[in-house]
Protein backbone atom coordinates (compact mmCIF):
# COMPACT_ATOMS: atom_id res chain seq x y z
CA MET A 1 187.54 166.91 57.74
CA ALA A 2 188.64 162.92 56.77
CA GLY A 3 186.02 161.76 58.64
CA ASP A 4 184.01 163.90 56.50
CA ALA A 5 185.53 162.48 53.59
CA ALA A 6 185.51 158.54 54.47
CA ALA A 7 181.76 159.07 55.11
CA ARG A 8 180.94 160.53 51.91
CA THR A 9 183.13 157.97 49.82
CA ILE A 10 180.78 155.17 51.60
CA GLU A 11 178.27 157.08 51.29
CA SER A 12 178.84 157.28 47.41
CA ALA A 13 180.02 153.14 47.62
CA GLU A 14 177.07 152.24 48.87
CA GLN A 15 174.82 154.86 46.61
CA GLY A 16 176.26 152.70 43.53
CA TRP A 17 175.51 150.40 45.08
CA ARG A 18 171.47 150.55 45.44
CA VAL A 19 172.29 151.65 41.47
CA LEU A 20 173.49 149.07 40.03
CA ARG A 21 171.54 146.42 42.17
CA ARG A 22 168.45 148.15 40.98
CA TRP A 23 169.38 147.96 37.27
CA ALA A 24 170.43 144.04 37.55
CA GLY A 25 167.60 143.25 39.54
CA ARG A 26 165.00 144.47 36.05
CA HIS A 27 167.35 141.61 34.15
CA ALA A 28 167.31 138.89 36.08
CA GLY A 29 169.77 139.75 38.38
CA PHE A 30 173.26 140.77 35.06
CA PHE A 31 175.13 142.71 35.58
CA THR A 32 177.66 144.80 33.24
CA THR A 33 181.59 145.17 34.20
CA ARG A 34 180.66 147.92 32.79
CA GLN A 35 177.55 149.45 34.55
CA MET A 36 180.08 147.70 37.80
CA LEU A 37 182.90 150.29 36.24
CA ARG A 38 179.95 153.51 35.64
CA THR A 39 178.17 152.83 39.00
CA GLY A 40 182.08 152.40 40.60
CA CYS A 41 180.72 148.88 42.26
CA ALA A 42 184.13 146.84 41.37
CA ALA A 43 185.22 146.74 44.83
CA ARG A 44 181.88 145.50 46.03
CA VAL A 45 181.50 142.92 43.44
CA GLY A 46 185.41 142.23 43.63
CA ALA A 47 183.99 140.27 47.17
CA GLY A 48 181.38 139.31 46.41
CA LEU A 49 183.62 137.04 43.82
CA GLY A 50 184.97 136.15 46.98
CA ASP A 51 181.74 135.46 49.20
CA GLY A 52 179.15 133.97 45.92
CA SER A 53 176.98 136.46 46.40
CA VAL A 54 178.33 137.30 42.74
CA ILE A 55 178.72 134.56 39.84
CA ARG A 56 181.23 135.48 35.96
CA ALA A 57 178.21 134.27 33.47
CA GLY A 58 179.90 134.69 30.68
CA ALA A 59 182.59 137.33 29.00
CA GLY A 60 182.08 140.40 30.78
CA VAL A 61 178.43 139.59 32.21
CA LEU A 62 178.53 138.81 35.68
CA ARG A 63 174.65 137.91 37.92
CA LEU A 64 173.57 137.93 41.93
CA ALA A 65 173.86 134.21 43.39
CA GLY A 66 170.02 133.75 43.69
CA TRP A 67 168.15 134.33 40.99
CA PRO A 68 166.48 131.18 40.54
CA GLU A 69 167.71 129.34 36.36
CA GLY A 70 165.58 130.11 34.05
CA PRO A 71 164.36 129.34 30.69
CA LEU A 72 164.90 132.96 29.35
CA ASP A 73 168.62 134.24 31.14
CA GLU A 74 169.84 134.28 28.03
CA TYR A 75 167.57 136.76 26.42
CA ALA A 76 167.89 138.65 29.91
CA MET A 77 171.69 138.44 29.95
CA TRP A 78 171.78 139.91 26.59
CA ALA A 79 169.44 142.51 27.02
CA ALA A 80 171.64 143.65 30.22
CA TRP A 81 174.53 143.30 27.78
CA PHE A 82 173.30 146.30 25.23
CA ASP A 83 172.02 148.57 28.73
CA GLY A 84 168.27 147.34 27.94
CA ALA A 85 168.30 148.75 24.26
CA ALA A 86 167.87 145.29 22.88
CA ALA A 87 164.93 143.81 21.46
CA VAL A 88 164.68 139.54 20.02
CA SER A 89 162.54 139.78 17.16
CA HIS A 90 162.77 138.15 14.05
CA GLN A 91 163.15 134.14 14.48
CA SER A 92 163.55 134.46 17.96
CA ALA A 93 160.51 136.41 18.75
CA ALA A 94 157.73 133.99 16.82
CA GLU A 95 159.58 131.41 19.14
CA LEU A 96 158.95 133.39 22.10
CA HIS A 97 155.04 134.20 20.44
CA GLY A 98 154.43 130.42 19.72
CA LEU A 99 154.65 131.35 15.48
CA GLY A 100 155.54 128.58 13.77
CA ARG A 101 157.95 125.92 13.54
CA LEU A 102 161.17 128.14 12.72
CA ARG A 103 163.16 127.39 15.29
CA PRO A 104 166.61 129.18 15.37
CA ARG A 105 169.67 128.41 15.49
CA PHE A 106 171.08 131.61 16.08
CA LEU A 107 169.37 134.79 18.81
CA HIS A 108 167.82 137.14 16.70
CA LEU A 109 168.35 140.98 18.55
CA SER A 110 167.18 144.49 16.86
CA VAL A 111 169.41 147.23 19.35
CA GLY A 112 169.24 151.09 19.36
CA VAL A 113 172.67 150.80 21.06
CA ALA A 114 175.99 148.78 18.69
CA ARG A 115 178.50 146.93 20.78
CA PRO A 116 181.90 145.61 19.61
CA SER A 117 182.16 142.25 18.23
CA PRO A 118 178.63 139.66 19.19
CA PRO A 119 179.05 137.38 19.78
CA PRO A 120 178.30 134.07 16.54
CA ARG A 121 175.43 133.60 18.51
CA LEU A 122 174.25 136.23 18.09
CA VAL A 123 172.39 137.71 14.68
CA VAL A 124 172.75 141.88 15.67
CA LEU A 125 170.18 144.62 13.05
CA ARG A 126 170.57 147.80 14.43
CA ARG A 127 167.62 149.78 13.86
CA SER A 128 165.65 151.56 16.22
CA LEU A 129 162.04 151.14 17.52
CA ALA A 130 158.96 152.45 17.79
CA ALA A 131 157.95 151.91 21.28
CA GLY A 132 154.45 149.97 19.83
CA ASP A 133 156.85 147.94 18.04
CA VAL A 134 158.24 146.52 21.37
CA GLU A 135 156.66 144.27 24.47
CA SER A 136 158.64 144.00 27.87
CA ALA A 137 158.93 140.07 28.06
CA GLY A 138 160.07 140.37 32.01
CA PRO A 139 163.94 140.83 31.83
CA PHE A 140 164.31 141.89 28.54
CA LEU A 141 161.72 142.94 25.71
CA VAL A 142 160.61 141.44 21.98
CA THR A 143 159.00 142.94 19.42
CA THR A 144 154.56 142.36 19.20
CA PRO A 145 153.16 139.44 17.58
CA VAL A 146 152.40 141.45 14.69
CA ARG A 147 155.70 142.68 14.53
CA THR A 148 157.80 139.68 13.81
CA VAL A 149 155.20 138.75 11.32
CA LEU A 150 156.83 142.45 9.34
CA ASP A 151 159.52 141.89 10.42
CA LEU A 152 160.01 138.06 9.30
CA ALA A 153 157.39 138.80 6.07
CA GLU A 154 160.87 141.64 5.59
CA ALA A 155 163.55 138.82 6.02
CA ASP A 156 164.00 135.56 4.02
CA ILE A 157 162.47 132.72 5.35
CA GLY A 158 159.97 131.01 2.59
CA GLN A 159 156.85 131.66 1.87
CA ALA A 160 155.28 128.43 3.37
CA ALA A 161 157.36 128.96 6.00
CA LEU A 162 155.68 133.19 6.31
CA ASP A 163 152.44 131.56 6.11
CA GLU A 164 152.29 129.30 8.83
CA VAL A 165 153.82 132.23 11.08
CA VAL A 166 150.91 133.70 10.02
CA ALA A 167 148.57 131.62 10.13
CA ASP A 168 149.18 131.01 13.87
CA ALA A 169 149.07 134.64 15.00
CA VAL A 170 145.53 134.65 13.05
CA ALA A 171 144.40 131.64 15.19
CA ILE A 172 146.21 131.95 19.35
CA HIS A 173 144.37 135.16 18.21
CA ARG A 174 148.36 137.36 19.10
CA CYS A 175 147.29 139.53 16.15
CA ALA A 176 143.62 139.93 13.35
CA GLY A 177 145.12 139.39 10.19
CA GLU A 178 143.05 142.77 9.77
CA GLU A 179 145.41 144.41 11.72
CA ILE A 180 148.89 142.44 9.68
CA ARG A 181 147.40 143.45 6.34
CA ASP A 182 146.90 147.28 8.07
CA VAL A 183 150.52 147.40 8.93
CA GLY A 184 151.36 145.15 5.63
CA ALA A 185 150.59 147.33 2.93
CA ARG A 186 153.76 149.84 4.15
CA LEU A 187 156.24 147.44 3.61
CA SER A 188 157.98 147.08 0.84
CA PRO A 189 156.13 145.50 -2.41
CA ARG A 190 157.60 142.61 -1.97
CA ALA A 191 157.17 142.49 1.45
CA ALA A 192 153.23 143.53 1.24
CA THR A 193 152.64 140.91 -1.41
CA ARG A 194 154.17 137.66 1.07
CA VAL A 195 152.34 139.50 3.71
CA TYR A 196 148.92 139.04 1.81
CA ARG A 197 149.53 135.68 -0.19
CA ALA A 198 150.23 133.78 4.13
CA LEU A 199 146.60 135.64 4.77
CA ALA A 200 145.16 134.64 2.17
CA VAL A 201 145.59 131.01 2.83
CA ALA A 202 145.52 131.61 6.95
């Protein structure tokens, strides 16, 4: 009986480790201590920290070793932090899509779940996005070019900056002017006017 219980414990631990690795694989190897605890892998992760197969990436965030470092790692790490319920948005999404020259100092995320005390580097907007408003960028989600344009029209960026974002979106065929106009009609009057002005000079 004791042997059966030990076998079940080992099997459960192995299953938890497989689940955690699969989760980390969606986010460029990143996972959180919350996910580690949920899968019952604290001992396995502790051993990994000791042998180098797991590394610390930040407060409450770890990473499976062996993943190549890349320029988008920060986005993937925060996607893992928010349990996949986050999308890069606003100025940060515009930068990823190559729209305008906003050069954001912060990382903008739209999230469906709240997390306490986000670091100063993040601008977190709590909102739900429709499936059609986001697209996959591999290890994280990003708002579509159209949704990004509309978000910026509703934000506080200057009209000249919005004009440049819209002009780039149309010029590099990230979205059509008609598409922006049609969807922009559902915005507030102020934001819709900003969109129409930008389209007029695109």
